[in-house]
Every structure is written in structure tokens, then in C-alpha cells.
N, C-alpha and C. Protein backbone atom coordinates (compact mmCIF):
# COMPACT_ATOMS: atom_id res chain seq x y z
N MET A 1 11.22 -11.55 -11.13
CA MET A 1 10.76 -11.24 -12.49
C MET A 1 11.63 -10.13 -13.09
N ASN A 2 12.11 -10.37 -14.31
CA ASN A 2 12.89 -9.37 -15.02
C ASN A 2 12.06 -8.09 -15.20
N TYR A 3 12.70 -6.93 -14.96
CA TYR A 3 11.93 -5.67 -14.98
C TYR A 3 11.44 -5.32 -16.38
N ASP A 4 12.21 -5.67 -17.39
CA ASP A 4 11.76 -5.40 -18.77
C ASP A 4 10.48 -6.19 -19.07
N ASP A 5 10.43 -7.44 -18.60
CA ASP A 5 9.22 -8.25 -18.78
C ASP A 5 8.06 -7.67 -17.98
N PHE A 6 8.37 -7.17 -16.78
CA PHE A 6 7.33 -6.55 -15.96
C PHE A 6 6.75 -5.33 -16.66
N LEU A 7 7.59 -4.49 -17.24
CA LEU A 7 7.10 -3.30 -17.93
C LEU A 7 6.22 -3.66 -19.12
N LYS A 8 6.57 -4.73 -19.82
CA LYS A 8 5.74 -5.17 -20.94
C LYS A 8 4.36 -5.61 -20.47
N SER A 9 4.32 -6.35 -19.37
CA SER A 9 3.03 -6.83 -18.87
C SER A 9 2.22 -5.69 -18.26
N ILE A 10 2.88 -4.77 -17.58
CA ILE A 10 2.15 -3.69 -16.92
C ILE A 10 1.54 -2.73 -17.94
N SER A 11 2.08 -2.75 -19.17
CA SER A 11 1.52 -1.88 -20.22
C SER A 11 0.09 -2.28 -20.58
N LYS A 12 -0.30 -3.50 -20.22
CA LYS A 12 -1.65 -3.98 -20.52
C LYS A 12 -2.65 -3.65 -19.41
N ILE A 13 -2.19 -2.96 -18.39
CA ILE A 13 -2.98 -2.84 -17.16
C ILE A 13 -4.27 -2.06 -17.35
N GLU A 14 -4.30 -1.14 -18.31
CA GLU A 14 -5.51 -0.35 -18.52
C GLU A 14 -6.69 -1.21 -18.97
N ASN A 15 -6.39 -2.36 -19.54
CA ASN A 15 -7.45 -3.25 -20.01
C ASN A 15 -7.93 -4.23 -18.95
N ILE A 16 -7.33 -4.15 -17.77
CA ILE A 16 -7.69 -5.05 -16.68
C ILE A 16 -8.67 -4.34 -15.75
N PRO A 17 -9.91 -4.83 -15.59
CA PRO A 17 -10.84 -4.18 -14.65
C PRO A 17 -10.37 -4.40 -13.22
N LEU A 18 -10.64 -3.43 -12.37
CA LEU A 18 -10.26 -3.56 -10.97
C LEU A 18 -11.09 -4.64 -10.29
N PRO A 19 -10.45 -5.58 -9.61
CA PRO A 19 -11.22 -6.59 -8.87
C PRO A 19 -11.88 -6.04 -7.62
N ALA A 20 -11.38 -4.88 -7.16
CA ALA A 20 -11.99 -4.12 -6.06
C ALA A 20 -12.27 -4.99 -4.83
N GLU A 21 -13.51 -4.94 -4.34
CA GLU A 21 -13.82 -5.61 -3.08
C GLU A 21 -13.63 -7.12 -3.17
N ALA A 22 -13.75 -7.71 -4.35
CA ALA A 22 -13.54 -9.15 -4.49
C ALA A 22 -12.14 -9.53 -4.05
N SER A 23 -11.18 -8.65 -4.31
CA SER A 23 -9.80 -8.88 -3.86
C SER A 23 -9.60 -8.39 -2.43
N GLN A 24 -10.05 -7.18 -2.16
CA GLN A 24 -9.81 -6.58 -0.85
C GLN A 24 -10.38 -7.42 0.28
N PHE A 25 -11.57 -7.98 0.05
CA PHE A 25 -12.24 -8.69 1.14
C PHE A 25 -11.56 -10.00 1.52
N LYS A 26 -10.62 -10.47 0.70
CA LYS A 26 -9.83 -11.64 1.08
C LYS A 26 -8.98 -11.35 2.32
N MET A 27 -8.66 -10.06 2.51
CA MET A 27 -7.76 -9.67 3.60
C MET A 27 -8.45 -8.75 4.61
N VAL A 28 -9.76 -8.81 4.66
CA VAL A 28 -10.51 -7.93 5.57
C VAL A 28 -10.55 -8.52 6.98
N PRO A 29 -10.16 -7.76 7.99
CA PRO A 29 -10.31 -8.23 9.37
C PRO A 29 -11.78 -8.45 9.70
N PRO A 30 -12.11 -9.42 10.55
CA PRO A 30 -13.51 -9.74 10.83
C PRO A 30 -14.29 -8.61 11.49
N PHE A 31 -13.60 -7.68 12.13
CA PHE A 31 -14.29 -6.59 12.82
C PHE A 31 -14.46 -5.36 11.93
N ARG A 32 -13.99 -5.40 10.67
CA ARG A 32 -14.03 -4.22 9.81
C ARG A 32 -15.46 -3.73 9.56
N ARG A 33 -16.37 -4.64 9.26
CA ARG A 33 -17.74 -4.23 8.96
C ARG A 33 -18.38 -3.52 10.16
N GLU A 34 -18.07 -4.02 11.36
CA GLU A 34 -18.62 -3.40 12.57
C GLU A 34 -18.06 -2.00 12.76
N LEU A 35 -16.76 -1.81 12.51
CA LEU A 35 -16.16 -0.49 12.64
C LEU A 35 -16.75 0.49 11.64
N ILE A 36 -16.93 0.05 10.41
CA ILE A 36 -17.49 0.93 9.38
C ILE A 36 -18.93 1.31 9.72
N LYS A 37 -19.68 0.35 10.25
CA LYS A 37 -21.06 0.63 10.64
C LYS A 37 -21.12 1.72 11.71
N LYS A 38 -20.16 1.66 12.64
CA LYS A 38 -20.12 2.64 13.73
C LYS A 38 -19.68 4.02 13.26
N GLN A 39 -18.99 4.09 12.10
CA GLN A 39 -18.42 5.36 11.68
C GLN A 39 -19.09 5.94 10.44
N GLN A 40 -20.34 5.59 10.23
CA GLN A 40 -21.04 6.10 9.05
C GLN A 40 -21.06 7.62 9.01
N ASP A 41 -21.30 8.25 10.15
CA ASP A 41 -21.33 9.72 10.19
C ASP A 41 -19.93 10.30 10.01
N ALA A 42 -18.94 9.69 10.67
CA ALA A 42 -17.56 10.20 10.57
C ALA A 42 -17.03 10.09 9.15
N MET A 43 -17.46 9.08 8.42
CA MET A 43 -16.97 8.87 7.06
C MET A 43 -17.30 10.04 6.14
N LYS A 44 -18.38 10.75 6.45
CA LYS A 44 -18.78 11.88 5.60
C LYS A 44 -17.73 12.98 5.61
N ASN A 45 -16.96 13.04 6.70
CA ASN A 45 -15.93 14.07 6.83
C ASN A 45 -14.53 13.45 6.94
N ALA A 46 -14.36 12.29 6.34
CA ALA A 46 -13.07 11.59 6.43
C ALA A 46 -11.97 12.40 5.75
N LYS A 47 -10.78 12.33 6.33
CA LYS A 47 -9.61 12.94 5.72
C LYS A 47 -9.18 12.08 4.53
N GLU A 48 -8.37 12.64 3.65
CA GLU A 48 -7.96 11.93 2.45
C GLU A 48 -6.45 11.81 2.36
N ALA A 49 -6.01 10.69 1.78
CA ALA A 49 -4.58 10.46 1.61
C ALA A 49 -4.35 9.67 0.32
N GLY A 50 -3.13 9.74 -0.19
CA GLY A 50 -2.73 8.95 -1.35
C GLY A 50 -1.47 8.17 -1.05
N VAL A 51 -1.40 6.94 -1.55
CA VAL A 51 -0.21 6.11 -1.35
C VAL A 51 0.22 5.49 -2.68
N LEU A 52 1.49 5.12 -2.77
CA LEU A 52 2.02 4.53 -3.99
C LEU A 52 2.50 3.11 -3.76
N ALA A 53 2.07 2.20 -4.64
CA ALA A 53 2.71 0.90 -4.78
C ALA A 53 3.73 1.09 -5.89
N LEU A 54 4.95 1.39 -5.50
CA LEU A 54 5.99 1.80 -6.45
C LEU A 54 6.88 0.62 -6.82
N PHE A 55 6.87 0.25 -8.10
CA PHE A 55 7.68 -0.85 -8.61
C PHE A 55 8.92 -0.29 -9.31
N TYR A 56 10.03 -1.04 -9.18
CA TYR A 56 11.30 -0.53 -9.70
C TYR A 56 12.26 -1.70 -9.97
N PRO A 57 13.31 -1.47 -10.76
CA PRO A 57 14.32 -2.52 -10.98
C PRO A 57 15.41 -2.43 -9.93
N ASP A 58 15.85 -3.58 -9.41
CA ASP A 58 17.02 -3.55 -8.54
C ASP A 58 18.28 -3.56 -9.41
N ILE A 59 19.44 -3.67 -8.81
CA ILE A 59 20.69 -3.56 -9.57
C ILE A 59 20.88 -4.75 -10.53
N HIS A 60 20.11 -5.82 -10.32
CA HIS A 60 20.16 -6.98 -11.21
C HIS A 60 18.99 -6.98 -12.21
N ASN A 61 18.27 -5.85 -12.28
CA ASN A 61 17.12 -5.67 -13.16
C ASN A 61 15.97 -6.62 -12.82
N GLN A 62 15.85 -6.97 -11.54
CA GLN A 62 14.72 -7.75 -11.06
C GLN A 62 13.68 -6.81 -10.45
N THR A 63 12.41 -7.17 -10.54
CA THR A 63 11.33 -6.28 -10.14
C THR A 63 11.09 -6.34 -8.64
N LYS A 64 11.04 -5.15 -8.03
CA LYS A 64 10.74 -5.04 -6.61
C LYS A 64 9.71 -3.93 -6.40
N PHE A 65 9.13 -3.91 -5.20
CA PHE A 65 8.32 -2.75 -4.79
C PHE A 65 8.69 -2.41 -3.36
N VAL A 66 8.33 -1.20 -2.95
CA VAL A 66 8.79 -0.70 -1.66
C VAL A 66 7.64 -0.53 -0.67
N LEU A 67 7.88 -0.97 0.55
CA LEU A 67 7.01 -0.72 1.69
C LEU A 67 7.83 -0.02 2.76
N ILE A 68 7.15 0.54 3.75
CA ILE A 68 7.87 1.15 4.88
C ILE A 68 7.31 0.63 6.20
N LEU A 69 8.18 0.52 7.18
CA LEU A 69 7.78 0.27 8.56
C LEU A 69 7.77 1.61 9.27
N ARG A 70 6.60 2.00 9.76
CA ARG A 70 6.49 3.29 10.42
C ARG A 70 7.09 3.25 11.83
N LYS A 71 7.52 4.39 12.29
CA LYS A 71 8.08 4.51 13.63
C LYS A 71 7.02 4.17 14.68
N THR A 72 7.48 3.83 15.86
CA THR A 72 6.58 3.64 17.00
C THR A 72 6.23 5.01 17.57
N TYR A 73 4.95 5.28 17.68
CA TYR A 73 4.49 6.58 18.18
C TYR A 73 3.10 6.40 18.79
N LYS A 74 2.58 7.44 19.39
CA LYS A 74 1.24 7.37 19.98
C LYS A 74 0.21 7.63 18.89
N GLY A 75 -0.19 6.58 18.23
CA GLY A 75 -1.16 6.71 17.15
C GLY A 75 -1.60 5.35 16.67
N VAL A 76 -2.68 5.31 15.89
CA VAL A 76 -3.29 4.03 15.51
C VAL A 76 -2.46 3.24 14.51
N HIS A 77 -1.54 3.90 13.79
CA HIS A 77 -0.74 3.19 12.80
C HIS A 77 0.71 3.02 13.25
N SER A 78 0.94 3.14 14.55
CA SER A 78 2.28 2.99 15.10
C SER A 78 2.87 1.63 14.76
N ALA A 79 4.14 1.63 14.29
CA ALA A 79 4.91 0.41 14.04
C ALA A 79 4.24 -0.54 13.04
N GLN A 80 3.45 0.01 12.13
CA GLN A 80 2.81 -0.81 11.11
C GLN A 80 3.52 -0.67 9.76
N VAL A 81 3.36 -1.68 8.94
CA VAL A 81 3.93 -1.67 7.59
C VAL A 81 2.89 -1.08 6.63
N GLY A 82 3.35 -0.20 5.75
CA GLY A 82 2.44 0.39 4.78
C GLY A 82 3.18 0.84 3.54
N PHE A 83 2.43 1.40 2.61
CA PHE A 83 3.03 2.00 1.43
C PHE A 83 3.49 3.41 1.76
N PRO A 84 4.51 3.90 1.05
CA PRO A 84 4.83 5.32 1.20
C PRO A 84 3.66 6.17 0.70
N GLY A 85 3.45 7.29 1.35
CA GLY A 85 2.33 8.16 1.00
C GLY A 85 1.85 8.90 2.22
N GLY A 86 0.81 9.70 2.04
CA GLY A 86 0.30 10.45 3.17
C GLY A 86 -0.86 11.34 2.81
N LYS A 87 -1.21 12.19 3.76
CA LYS A 87 -2.44 12.96 3.63
C LYS A 87 -2.29 14.12 2.64
N LEU A 88 -3.43 14.52 2.13
CA LEU A 88 -3.52 15.61 1.17
C LEU A 88 -3.16 16.93 1.85
N GLU A 89 -2.26 17.70 1.21
CA GLU A 89 -1.85 19.01 1.70
C GLU A 89 -2.26 20.08 0.68
N GLU A 90 -2.25 21.34 1.11
CA GLU A 90 -2.62 22.44 0.21
C GLU A 90 -1.74 22.47 -1.03
N SER A 91 -0.46 22.15 -0.86
CA SER A 91 0.49 22.20 -1.98
C SER A 91 0.21 21.15 -3.05
N ASP A 92 -0.68 20.19 -2.74
CA ASP A 92 -0.98 19.11 -3.69
C ASP A 92 -2.06 19.50 -4.71
N ASN A 93 -2.60 20.72 -4.59
CA ASN A 93 -3.61 21.21 -5.54
C ASN A 93 -4.79 20.25 -5.67
N SER A 94 -5.26 19.76 -4.52
CA SER A 94 -6.44 18.89 -4.45
C SER A 94 -6.25 17.57 -5.19
N SER A 95 -5.01 17.16 -5.44
CA SER A 95 -4.73 15.93 -6.17
C SER A 95 -4.13 14.89 -5.22
N LEU A 96 -4.86 13.78 -5.02
CA LEU A 96 -4.33 12.70 -4.20
C LEU A 96 -3.13 12.04 -4.86
N LYS A 97 -3.10 12.05 -6.18
CA LYS A 97 -1.94 11.52 -6.90
C LYS A 97 -0.70 12.35 -6.57
N ASN A 98 -0.85 13.67 -6.58
CA ASN A 98 0.26 14.55 -6.21
C ASN A 98 0.71 14.30 -4.77
N ALA A 99 -0.26 14.08 -3.89
CA ALA A 99 0.07 13.82 -2.48
C ALA A 99 0.88 12.53 -2.34
N ALA A 100 0.47 11.50 -3.06
CA ALA A 100 1.17 10.21 -2.99
C ALA A 100 2.60 10.33 -3.51
N ILE A 101 2.78 11.05 -4.61
CA ILE A 101 4.11 11.22 -5.19
C ILE A 101 4.99 12.07 -4.27
N ARG A 102 4.44 13.16 -3.76
CA ARG A 102 5.21 14.05 -2.87
C ARG A 102 5.65 13.31 -1.61
N GLU A 103 4.70 12.60 -1.00
CA GLU A 103 5.01 11.90 0.24
C GLU A 103 6.00 10.76 0.01
N THR A 104 5.94 10.12 -1.14
CA THR A 104 6.91 9.07 -1.45
C THR A 104 8.32 9.64 -1.52
N PHE A 105 8.43 10.80 -2.11
CA PHE A 105 9.74 11.48 -2.12
C PHE A 105 10.18 11.82 -0.70
N GLU A 106 9.26 12.37 0.09
CA GLU A 106 9.62 12.79 1.45
C GLU A 106 9.98 11.61 2.35
N GLU A 107 9.27 10.48 2.17
CA GLU A 107 9.47 9.35 3.08
C GLU A 107 10.60 8.42 2.68
N VAL A 108 10.79 8.22 1.36
CA VAL A 108 11.83 7.26 0.94
C VAL A 108 12.81 7.82 -0.08
N GLY A 109 12.63 9.10 -0.47
CA GLY A 109 13.65 9.77 -1.26
C GLY A 109 13.63 9.54 -2.75
N VAL A 110 12.55 8.94 -3.30
CA VAL A 110 12.49 8.72 -4.76
C VAL A 110 12.09 10.04 -5.42
N PRO A 111 12.90 10.57 -6.34
CA PRO A 111 12.60 11.86 -6.96
C PRO A 111 11.23 11.86 -7.64
N THR A 112 10.49 12.93 -7.45
CA THR A 112 9.13 12.99 -7.98
C THR A 112 9.11 12.89 -9.50
N GLN A 113 10.12 13.46 -10.17
CA GLN A 113 10.13 13.47 -11.63
C GLN A 113 10.39 12.10 -12.23
N SER A 114 10.87 11.16 -11.42
CA SER A 114 11.16 9.81 -11.93
C SER A 114 9.98 8.85 -11.75
N ILE A 115 8.92 9.31 -11.09
CA ILE A 115 7.77 8.45 -10.78
C ILE A 115 6.70 8.58 -11.85
N GLU A 116 6.26 7.45 -12.38
CA GLU A 116 5.16 7.41 -13.37
C GLU A 116 3.99 6.64 -12.76
N VAL A 117 2.86 7.29 -12.59
CA VAL A 117 1.68 6.62 -12.07
C VAL A 117 0.98 5.89 -13.22
N ILE A 118 0.73 4.59 -13.02
CA ILE A 118 0.20 3.74 -14.08
C ILE A 118 -1.30 3.53 -13.97
N LYS A 119 -1.79 3.35 -12.73
CA LYS A 119 -3.22 3.03 -12.58
C LYS A 119 -3.71 3.40 -11.18
N ASP A 120 -4.93 3.95 -11.13
CA ASP A 120 -5.62 4.16 -9.86
C ASP A 120 -6.19 2.82 -9.39
N LEU A 121 -6.05 2.55 -8.12
CA LEU A 121 -6.65 1.34 -7.54
C LEU A 121 -7.91 1.70 -6.77
N THR A 122 -8.50 0.72 -6.11
CA THR A 122 -9.75 0.94 -5.38
C THR A 122 -9.47 1.61 -4.04
N GLN A 123 -10.20 2.67 -3.77
CA GLN A 123 -10.02 3.41 -2.52
C GLN A 123 -10.35 2.52 -1.31
N VAL A 124 -9.63 2.75 -0.22
CA VAL A 124 -9.84 2.00 1.01
C VAL A 124 -10.13 2.97 2.15
N TYR A 125 -11.17 2.67 2.91
CA TYR A 125 -11.48 3.48 4.09
C TYR A 125 -10.86 2.82 5.32
N ILE A 126 -10.20 3.64 6.15
CA ILE A 126 -9.54 3.14 7.36
C ILE A 126 -10.28 3.68 8.58
N PRO A 127 -11.11 2.85 9.21
CA PRO A 127 -11.94 3.34 10.33
C PRO A 127 -11.18 3.93 11.51
N PRO A 128 -10.09 3.30 12.03
CA PRO A 128 -9.47 3.84 13.24
C PRO A 128 -8.98 5.28 13.11
N SER A 129 -8.49 5.65 11.91
CA SER A 129 -7.98 7.01 11.72
C SER A 129 -8.92 7.88 10.90
N ASN A 130 -10.04 7.32 10.45
CA ASN A 130 -11.03 8.04 9.65
C ASN A 130 -10.39 8.68 8.40
N PHE A 131 -9.68 7.84 7.65
CA PHE A 131 -9.05 8.28 6.41
C PHE A 131 -9.60 7.48 5.24
N LYS A 132 -9.81 8.16 4.12
CA LYS A 132 -10.03 7.50 2.85
C LYS A 132 -8.71 7.55 2.10
N VAL A 133 -8.18 6.38 1.75
CA VAL A 133 -6.86 6.31 1.14
C VAL A 133 -6.99 5.85 -0.31
N GLN A 134 -6.40 6.63 -1.21
CA GLN A 134 -6.39 6.30 -2.62
C GLN A 134 -5.03 5.71 -2.99
N PRO A 135 -4.98 4.41 -3.33
CA PRO A 135 -3.71 3.81 -3.76
C PRO A 135 -3.52 3.90 -5.26
N TYR A 136 -2.26 3.94 -5.67
CA TYR A 136 -1.90 3.97 -7.09
C TYR A 136 -0.79 2.96 -7.34
N ILE A 137 -0.83 2.31 -8.50
CA ILE A 137 0.33 1.56 -8.98
C ILE A 137 1.21 2.54 -9.76
N ALA A 138 2.50 2.55 -9.43
CA ALA A 138 3.44 3.45 -10.08
C ALA A 138 4.75 2.72 -10.35
N ILE A 139 5.53 3.29 -11.26
CA ILE A 139 6.83 2.71 -11.58
C ILE A 139 7.88 3.82 -11.59
N THR A 140 9.12 3.41 -11.42
CA THR A 140 10.27 4.24 -11.77
C THR A 140 11.19 3.35 -12.58
N ARG A 141 11.79 3.91 -13.61
CA ARG A 141 12.60 3.11 -14.54
C ARG A 141 14.05 3.01 -14.09
N GLU A 142 14.37 3.65 -12.96
CA GLU A 142 15.73 3.64 -12.45
C GLU A 142 15.77 2.88 -11.13
N THR A 143 16.93 2.34 -10.78
CA THR A 143 17.11 1.73 -9.47
C THR A 143 17.21 2.85 -8.44
N PRO A 144 16.26 2.95 -7.51
CA PRO A 144 16.27 4.09 -6.58
C PRO A 144 17.41 4.00 -5.56
N THR A 145 17.87 5.15 -5.15
CA THR A 145 18.72 5.25 -3.97
C THR A 145 17.83 5.75 -2.85
N PHE A 146 17.35 4.83 -2.02
CA PHE A 146 16.37 5.19 -1.01
C PHE A 146 17.01 5.99 0.13
N VAL A 147 16.29 6.99 0.57
CA VAL A 147 16.69 7.79 1.73
C VAL A 147 15.48 7.89 2.64
N LYS A 148 15.53 7.27 3.81
CA LYS A 148 14.36 7.26 4.67
C LYS A 148 14.22 8.56 5.46
N GLU A 149 12.98 8.94 5.69
CA GLU A 149 12.66 10.11 6.52
C GLU A 149 12.76 9.66 7.98
N GLU A 150 13.77 10.12 8.67
CA GLU A 150 14.13 9.57 9.97
C GLU A 150 13.03 9.73 11.03
N LYS A 151 12.23 10.77 10.93
CA LYS A 151 11.22 11.01 11.97
C LYS A 151 10.02 10.06 11.84
N GLU A 152 9.73 9.58 10.63
CA GLU A 152 8.52 8.80 10.41
C GLU A 152 8.78 7.34 10.03
N VAL A 153 9.93 7.08 9.42
CA VAL A 153 10.18 5.76 8.84
C VAL A 153 11.25 5.02 9.65
N GLU A 154 10.88 3.84 10.14
CA GLU A 154 11.83 3.00 10.88
C GLU A 154 12.70 2.19 9.91
N HIS A 155 12.05 1.56 8.92
CA HIS A 155 12.79 0.76 7.94
C HIS A 155 12.15 0.92 6.56
N ILE A 156 12.98 0.85 5.53
CA ILE A 156 12.51 0.73 4.15
C ILE A 156 12.58 -0.75 3.78
N ILE A 157 11.47 -1.28 3.28
CA ILE A 157 11.36 -2.71 3.00
C ILE A 157 11.25 -2.91 1.49
N GLU A 158 12.25 -3.57 0.91
CA GLU A 158 12.26 -3.83 -0.53
C GLU A 158 11.82 -5.28 -0.78
N VAL A 159 10.69 -5.44 -1.45
CA VAL A 159 10.08 -6.75 -1.62
C VAL A 159 10.21 -7.22 -3.08
N ASP A 160 10.69 -8.44 -3.27
CA ASP A 160 10.73 -9.04 -4.60
C ASP A 160 9.30 -9.34 -5.06
N LEU A 161 8.97 -8.94 -6.26
CA LEU A 161 7.61 -9.15 -6.76
C LEU A 161 7.16 -10.61 -6.68
N PRO A 162 7.98 -11.60 -7.07
CA PRO A 162 7.52 -12.99 -6.97
C PRO A 162 7.11 -13.40 -5.56
N HIS A 163 7.69 -12.74 -4.56
CA HIS A 163 7.33 -13.05 -3.18
C HIS A 163 5.86 -12.71 -2.91
N LEU A 164 5.41 -11.55 -3.42
CA LEU A 164 4.01 -11.17 -3.26
C LEU A 164 3.09 -12.15 -3.98
N LEU A 165 3.50 -12.61 -5.15
CA LEU A 165 2.64 -13.48 -5.97
C LEU A 165 2.56 -14.91 -5.44
N ASP A 166 3.40 -15.24 -4.46
CA ASP A 166 3.40 -16.57 -3.85
C ASP A 166 2.22 -16.69 -2.88
N ASP A 167 1.33 -17.64 -3.11
CA ASP A 167 0.14 -17.80 -2.26
C ASP A 167 0.48 -18.31 -0.86
N GLU A 168 1.71 -18.77 -0.65
CA GLU A 168 2.10 -19.30 0.65
C GLU A 168 2.36 -18.21 1.69
N ILE A 169 2.36 -16.95 1.27
CA ILE A 169 2.70 -15.88 2.21
C ILE A 169 1.49 -15.39 3.02
N VAL A 170 0.30 -15.91 2.74
CA VAL A 170 -0.89 -15.50 3.48
C VAL A 170 -0.93 -16.25 4.81
N ILE A 171 -1.02 -15.48 5.90
CA ILE A 171 -1.02 -16.04 7.25
C ILE A 171 -2.18 -15.42 8.04
N THR A 172 -2.28 -15.76 9.31
CA THR A 172 -3.20 -15.06 10.21
C THR A 172 -2.40 -14.45 11.35
N LYS A 173 -2.88 -13.33 11.85
CA LYS A 173 -2.22 -12.62 12.93
C LYS A 173 -3.25 -12.29 14.00
N THR A 174 -2.90 -12.41 15.25
CA THR A 174 -3.79 -12.04 16.34
C THR A 174 -3.57 -10.58 16.70
N VAL A 175 -4.63 -9.78 16.65
CA VAL A 175 -4.55 -8.36 17.01
C VAL A 175 -5.64 -8.03 18.01
N LYS A 176 -5.40 -6.95 18.75
CA LYS A 176 -6.41 -6.47 19.70
C LYS A 176 -7.22 -5.37 19.04
N THR A 177 -8.51 -5.48 19.04
CA THR A 177 -9.38 -4.49 18.41
C THR A 177 -9.48 -3.25 19.29
N SER A 178 -10.07 -2.21 18.71
CA SER A 178 -10.24 -0.96 19.45
C SER A 178 -11.19 -1.11 20.63
N TYR A 179 -11.98 -2.21 20.63
CA TYR A 179 -12.86 -2.44 21.77
C TYR A 179 -12.34 -3.57 22.66
N GLY A 180 -10.99 -3.83 22.57
CA GLY A 180 -10.32 -4.65 23.55
C GLY A 180 -10.42 -6.16 23.37
N VAL A 181 -10.93 -6.62 22.22
CA VAL A 181 -11.07 -8.05 21.99
C VAL A 181 -9.98 -8.51 21.02
N GLU A 182 -9.33 -9.64 21.33
CA GLU A 182 -8.33 -10.18 20.42
C GLU A 182 -8.99 -11.06 19.36
N VAL A 183 -8.63 -10.81 18.10
CA VAL A 183 -9.18 -11.59 16.99
C VAL A 183 -8.06 -11.94 16.02
N GLU A 184 -8.30 -12.96 15.21
CA GLU A 184 -7.34 -13.33 14.18
C GLU A 184 -7.71 -12.63 12.87
N VAL A 185 -6.71 -12.05 12.22
CA VAL A 185 -6.94 -11.34 10.96
C VAL A 185 -6.04 -11.93 9.88
N PRO A 186 -6.48 -11.91 8.61
CA PRO A 186 -5.61 -12.35 7.52
C PRO A 186 -4.49 -11.34 7.30
N ALA A 187 -3.32 -11.84 6.90
CA ALA A 187 -2.16 -10.96 6.70
C ALA A 187 -1.22 -11.59 5.69
N PHE A 188 -0.31 -10.75 5.18
CA PHE A 188 0.78 -11.23 4.34
C PHE A 188 2.06 -11.22 5.18
N LYS A 189 2.91 -12.21 4.96
CA LYS A 189 4.25 -12.23 5.56
C LYS A 189 5.25 -11.92 4.45
N LEU A 190 5.81 -10.71 4.48
CA LEU A 190 6.71 -10.25 3.43
C LEU A 190 8.03 -9.82 4.05
N ASN A 191 9.11 -10.42 3.62
CA ASN A 191 10.45 -10.09 4.14
C ASN A 191 10.51 -10.19 5.67
N GLY A 192 9.71 -11.09 6.23
CA GLY A 192 9.71 -11.25 7.68
C GLY A 192 8.78 -10.30 8.41
N TYR A 193 8.14 -9.38 7.69
CA TYR A 193 7.20 -8.42 8.29
C TYR A 193 5.76 -8.87 8.06
N VAL A 194 4.91 -8.65 9.04
CA VAL A 194 3.50 -8.99 8.92
C VAL A 194 2.75 -7.75 8.44
N VAL A 195 2.03 -7.90 7.34
CA VAL A 195 1.29 -6.78 6.73
C VAL A 195 -0.19 -7.12 6.77
N TRP A 196 -0.97 -6.29 7.45
CA TRP A 196 -2.39 -6.58 7.58
C TRP A 196 -3.19 -5.28 7.45
N GLY A 197 -4.51 -5.39 7.58
CA GLY A 197 -5.36 -4.20 7.52
C GLY A 197 -5.45 -3.62 6.12
N ALA A 198 -5.51 -2.29 6.04
CA ALA A 198 -5.73 -1.61 4.77
C ALA A 198 -4.62 -1.91 3.76
N THR A 199 -3.38 -1.97 4.22
CA THR A 199 -2.28 -2.25 3.29
C THR A 199 -2.41 -3.64 2.69
N ALA A 200 -2.80 -4.61 3.49
CA ALA A 200 -3.01 -5.97 2.98
C ALA A 200 -4.15 -5.99 1.97
N MET A 201 -5.20 -5.21 2.21
CA MET A 201 -6.31 -5.14 1.27
C MET A 201 -5.84 -4.58 -0.08
N MET A 202 -5.02 -3.54 -0.04
CA MET A 202 -4.48 -2.96 -1.28
C MET A 202 -3.57 -3.96 -2.00
N LEU A 203 -2.71 -4.62 -1.23
CA LEU A 203 -1.80 -5.60 -1.82
C LEU A 203 -2.56 -6.76 -2.47
N SER A 204 -3.67 -7.14 -1.88
CA SER A 204 -4.47 -8.23 -2.43
C SER A 204 -5.01 -7.85 -3.81
N GLU A 205 -5.46 -6.60 -3.95
CA GLU A 205 -5.94 -6.16 -5.26
C GLU A 205 -4.80 -6.10 -6.27
N ILE A 206 -3.65 -5.59 -5.85
CA ILE A 206 -2.50 -5.53 -6.73
C ILE A 206 -2.08 -6.93 -7.18
N LYS A 207 -2.06 -7.85 -6.23
CA LYS A 207 -1.68 -9.24 -6.53
C LYS A 207 -2.60 -9.84 -7.59
N ASP A 208 -3.89 -9.65 -7.44
CA ASP A 208 -4.85 -10.22 -8.38
C ASP A 208 -4.73 -9.57 -9.76
N ILE A 209 -4.50 -8.27 -9.79
CA ILE A 209 -4.30 -7.58 -11.08
C ILE A 209 -3.07 -8.11 -11.80
N LEU A 210 -1.96 -8.21 -11.07
CA LEU A 210 -0.72 -8.66 -11.70
C LEU A 210 -0.81 -10.11 -12.15
N LYS A 211 -1.52 -10.94 -11.39
CA LYS A 211 -1.70 -12.34 -11.81
C LYS A 211 -2.54 -12.43 -13.07
N ALA A 212 -3.48 -11.49 -13.22
CA ALA A 212 -4.31 -11.49 -14.43
C ALA A 212 -3.52 -11.07 -15.66
N LEU A 213 -2.39 -10.40 -15.47
CA LEU A 213 -1.57 -9.95 -16.59
C LEU A 213 -0.64 -11.04 -17.10
N THR A 214 -0.39 -12.05 -16.27
CA THR A 214 0.59 -13.07 -16.65
C THR A 214 -0.06 -14.24 -17.40
């Protein structure tokens, strides 16, 4: 999709109601409700984070957005695909939007002053790490020169917008739950990477919003 056309359509986004759980639940793992039920008390003290679905023009003025593959480490989100972003820090002045913009700069090198946040999306709770994550749709009007944060980011993944809008990319993936049982979960296959869990839930809402604009 031409980026100029994308910007024209995204300008209507404030008039689009969030599909929220109607979209997110299309990509919900079958064990999610059980995990949330078990963590009702922990949720009261959940940590907070912000992430960006950042759209931008490539050198041919085609619309893309950026994901990252996290490094392999001892943690629940090891080697998973997600949006750039991270947890709220003191320097963010209690703003999850500021956290998302700051972390995007730190993780993939997009200057903070070039990022425009367009819309807040529906918050997602992540049971394994006890985080409430606030996603945002954002744009930059320039073709970014990405610089990955070597300690945290394994790969920067640039996805063509039409690829996300293609219904053929929805697959199932077998994962092992925290209680040792293997189950099949819905996922997106993007640029050869499997995206599931909270990121897939966010992408599902973004996909439905963007389809409503066309």
C-alpha cells in the first residue's frame, strides 16, 4: 500500500471504535482464561509497559511496520516476536506512551521526535510475566534507518502492511504451557516468523481497524 494513501486512511482512525476483545479473542490461546483466573490477585499489582505498532514508508514509499525478534535468554518472552517497547521507567513521567516511544528508540533506533502516536489500542494483560501492556498505533513520515539494540534484539523484522491484511497468514502453532501441556494456539506467519500470544492479539485488533478504514 502506498504510504500517502495509508496516511489518508489513517487520518480517519479516531472515528473507528476499538474492536477490543472481539478482535483480540480471535488470537487467544486456549489456556489464557485459565492463566488469568489463576492470577487475579497478581493482576492487582501488575507491572506496566507500552509498545508501538510503528508504520513507516520504505524507500519505495510502500507502507511497512516493524516487529522485533527478542534475544534468547532465561525468561518467559525469550526468542519471541513482539513490538518494540518496554516497561514504564521513572524518566517516562508516568506515561506509557512516553515509555513506548523511548523504548522504540532504544530498541530499533527510530528518533523519538519523528514518532507520532495516532491512537491508543486495547490494553493486553500478559499472565506469564504479570504485565499490563498498552499498545499504540504510531507513524513516522520518514524511512527509518533502523539500529538494533544488540543486547535485547536478535532481528528487526520489517513487514509489508498488505501481508498483515492477508487472511491466509493465520496458522496454528504448538506450544508448551506453563503447566507442561502442549496445546495448539492461533498465530500469524509474518516474514517467516510465527507471532502468537499477546502480540498476535494486538495485531488482530490493528488488522480489523485498518480493514474498517478501507
